Amino acid sequence: MRALVQRVKRADVVVDGETVGQIGHGLLIYLGIHKDDDMAKVRYLAPKVAKLRLFQDDAGKMNRSLIDTGGEALVISQFTLYGDCSSGLRPDFFSAMPAKEAVLLYESFVSELKREIKRVETGRFQAYMQVSSVNDGPVTLMVEAP
């Protein structure tokens, strides 16, 4: 399981012309689910993301988490995080979990994250989405469950 995490001033996601999720200060999280992932990885990754110290303290150091700052999260399903471009020019997605199984882990990740922080918004699983954000810093990290 991979989470591409971006610290943002704001972010939103639109599906079919409708805004389905939006946040202010917080983290935009693109979540990729590997074909071998399970609930243990969800239980590892969701709290880790919530507790990552990516926000500045009074001294200007990245020393505060979403929990500490009262920040929000927008979680977007992103199977392309498991795209393999190592041979040829067209990525394959054989490592990504099939959608029928992945949706359960995606929803579980969102539920676990909601246990950690107050406000979690989402995109729409398996939909064509337009995501907009103002990256703060920029700060962008890839976080993976072992």
Protein backbone atom coordinates (compact mmCIF):
# COMPACT_ATOMS: atom_id res chain seq x y z
CA MET A 1 0.00 0.00 0.00
CA ARG A 2 1.33 3.39 -1.03
CA ALA A 3 0.24 6.88 -0.13
CA LEU A 4 1.53 9.83 -2.09
CA VAL A 5 1.04 12.60 0.48
CA GLN A 6 1.05 16.31 -0.34
CA ARG A 7 0.84 19.10 2.20
CA VAL A 8 -1.74 21.53 0.82
CA LYS A 9 -3.29 24.91 1.54
CA ARG A 10 -6.47 23.57 -0.11
CA ALA A 11 -7.62 20.78 -2.42
CA ASP A 12 -10.79 19.61 -4.10
CA VAL A 13 -12.02 16.82 -6.31
CA VAL A 14 -14.71 17.08 -8.99
CA VAL A 15 -16.67 14.22 -10.60
CA ASP A 16 -19.05 14.93 -13.50
CA GLY A 17 -18.98 18.66 -12.76
CA GLU A 18 -19.84 18.19 -9.06
CA THR A 19 -17.41 18.89 -6.21
CA VAL A 20 -17.49 15.67 -4.18
CA GLY A 21 -14.72 16.50 -1.70
CA GLN A 22 -12.78 19.56 -0.61
CA ILE A 23 -10.46 20.55 2.20
CA GLY A 24 -8.52 23.52 3.45
CA HIS A 25 -5.17 23.22 5.23
CA GLY A 26 -4.09 19.57 5.43
CA LEU A 27 -3.00 16.61 3.33
CA LEU A 28 -4.00 15.45 -0.12
CA ILE A 29 -3.48 11.67 -0.08
CA TYR A 30 -3.35 9.59 -3.25
CA LEU A 31 -3.79 5.97 -2.13
CA GLY A 32 -2.55 3.03 -4.19
CA ILE A 33 -3.43 -0.53 -3.20
CA HIS A 34 -1.19 -3.45 -4.14
CA LYS A 35 -2.66 -6.83 -5.07
CA ASP A 36 -1.15 -8.38 -1.91
CA ASP A 37 -2.32 -5.70 0.55
CA ASP A 38 -4.54 -6.49 3.54
CA MET A 39 -6.04 -4.88 6.66
CA ALA A 40 -2.73 -5.02 8.51
CA LYS A 41 -1.30 -2.56 5.98
CA VAL A 42 -4.33 -0.29 6.36
CA ARG A 43 -3.89 -0.30 10.14
CA TYR A 44 -0.22 0.60 9.71
CA LEU A 45 -0.53 3.28 7.04
CA ALA A 46 -3.56 5.33 8.13
CA PRO A 47 -2.23 6.26 11.60
CA LYS A 48 1.25 6.83 10.19
CA VAL A 49 -0.06 9.37 7.69
CA ALA A 50 -2.10 11.12 10.39
CA LYS A 51 0.96 11.36 12.64
CA LEU A 52 3.56 12.39 10.02
CA ARG A 53 5.23 15.59 11.18
CA LEU A 54 4.90 17.63 7.98
CA PHE A 55 3.64 20.93 9.39
CA GLN A 56 5.73 23.71 10.88
CA ASP A 57 5.95 24.42 14.57
CA ASP A 58 6.57 27.86 16.06
CA ALA A 59 10.28 27.54 15.26
CA GLY A 60 9.54 26.86 11.57
CA LYS A 61 10.52 23.17 11.68
CA MET A 62 8.37 20.38 10.30
CA ASN A 63 7.41 19.04 13.69
CA ARG A 64 3.59 18.94 13.76
CA SER A 65 1.11 16.41 12.38
CA LEU A 66 -2.44 16.57 11.05
CA ILE A 67 -3.55 15.64 14.55
CA ASP A 68 -1.51 18.46 16.13
CA THR A 69 -2.70 21.11 13.67
CA GLY A 70 -6.34 20.07 13.30
CA GLY A 71 -5.67 19.65 9.59
CA GLU A 72 -7.96 17.92 7.11
CA ALA A 73 -7.39 15.12 4.61
CA LEU A 74 -8.63 14.42 1.10
CA VAL A 75 -8.14 10.77 0.07
CA ILE A 76 -8.13 9.89 -3.64
CA SER A 77 -7.94 6.30 -4.90
CA GLN A 78 -4.99 6.02 -7.28
CA PHE A 79 -4.27 2.59 -8.79
CA THR A 80 -1.70 4.17 -11.11
CA LEU A 81 0.71 4.42 -8.16
CA TYR A 82 1.38 0.77 -8.97
CA GLY A 83 1.99 1.40 -12.66
CA ASP A 84 5.16 -0.27 -13.92
CA CYS A 85 7.01 1.62 -16.66
CA SER A 86 10.19 -0.48 -16.59
CA SER A 87 9.71 -2.03 -20.02
CA GLY A 88 8.37 -0.10 -22.94
CA LEU A 89 6.45 3.14 -22.89
CA ARG A 90 3.05 1.93 -21.78
CA PRO A 91 2.66 1.26 -18.06
CA ASP A 92 1.18 -1.99 -16.83
CA PHE A 93 -0.92 -2.15 -13.70
CA PHE A 94 -0.62 -5.85 -12.85
CA SER A 95 0.59 -5.04 -9.32
CA ALA A 96 -2.53 -3.04 -8.45
CA MET A 97 -5.36 -4.81 -6.65
CA PRO A 98 -8.51 -5.35 -8.76
CA ALA A 99 -11.15 -2.70 -8.05
CA LYS A 100 -13.74 -5.05 -6.52
CA GLU A 101 -11.27 -5.98 -3.78
CA ALA A 102 -9.44 -2.66 -3.54
CA VAL A 103 -12.58 -0.66 -2.72
CA LEU A 104 -12.87 -2.46 0.63
CA LEU A 105 -9.32 -1.56 1.65
CA TYR A 106 -9.76 2.00 0.38
CA GLU A 107 -12.89 2.43 2.50
CA SER A 108 -11.13 0.85 5.47
CA PHE A 109 -8.21 3.28 5.09
CA VAL A 110 -10.64 6.20 5.11
CA SER A 111 -12.39 4.82 8.21
CA GLU A 112 -9.08 4.32 10.04
CA LEU A 113 -7.97 7.84 9.13
CA LYS A 114 -11.26 9.22 10.49
CA ARG A 115 -10.37 7.65 13.85
CA GLU A 116 -7.24 9.80 13.92
CA ILE A 117 -8.40 13.18 12.57
CA LYS A 118 -11.64 15.16 12.55
CA ARG A 119 -12.28 15.79 8.85
CA VAL A 120 -11.62 13.35 6.02
CA GLU A 121 -13.05 13.92 2.55
CA THR A 122 -12.81 11.55 -0.41
CA GLY A 123 -13.07 11.33 -4.12
CA ARG A 124 -15.30 8.73 -5.73
CA PHE A 125 -13.71 5.30 -6.06
CA GLN A 126 -13.10 4.22 -9.68
CA ALA A 127 -14.53 7.48 -11.09
CA TYR A 128 -12.85 9.83 -13.53
CA MET A 129 -11.86 12.72 -11.25
CA GLN A 130 -10.36 16.17 -11.60
CA VAL A 131 -8.23 16.96 -8.56
CA SER A 132 -7.04 20.50 -7.85
CA SER A 133 -4.68 21.53 -5.11
CA VAL A 134 -2.37 24.23 -3.86
CA ASN A 135 0.71 22.38 -2.65
CA ASP A 136 2.17 24.02 0.45
CA GLY A 137 5.95 24.15 0.42
CA PRO A 138 5.92 22.11 -1.78
CA VAL A 139 5.97 19.06 0.47
CA THR A 140 5.31 15.72 -1.23
CA LEU A 141 6.26 12.29 0.14
CA MET A 142 5.69 8.66 -0.77
CA VAL A 143 4.78 6.61 2.30
CA GLU A 144 4.56 2.82 2.07
CA ALA A 145 3.37 0.07 4.35
CA PRO A 146 6.11 -2.54 4.89
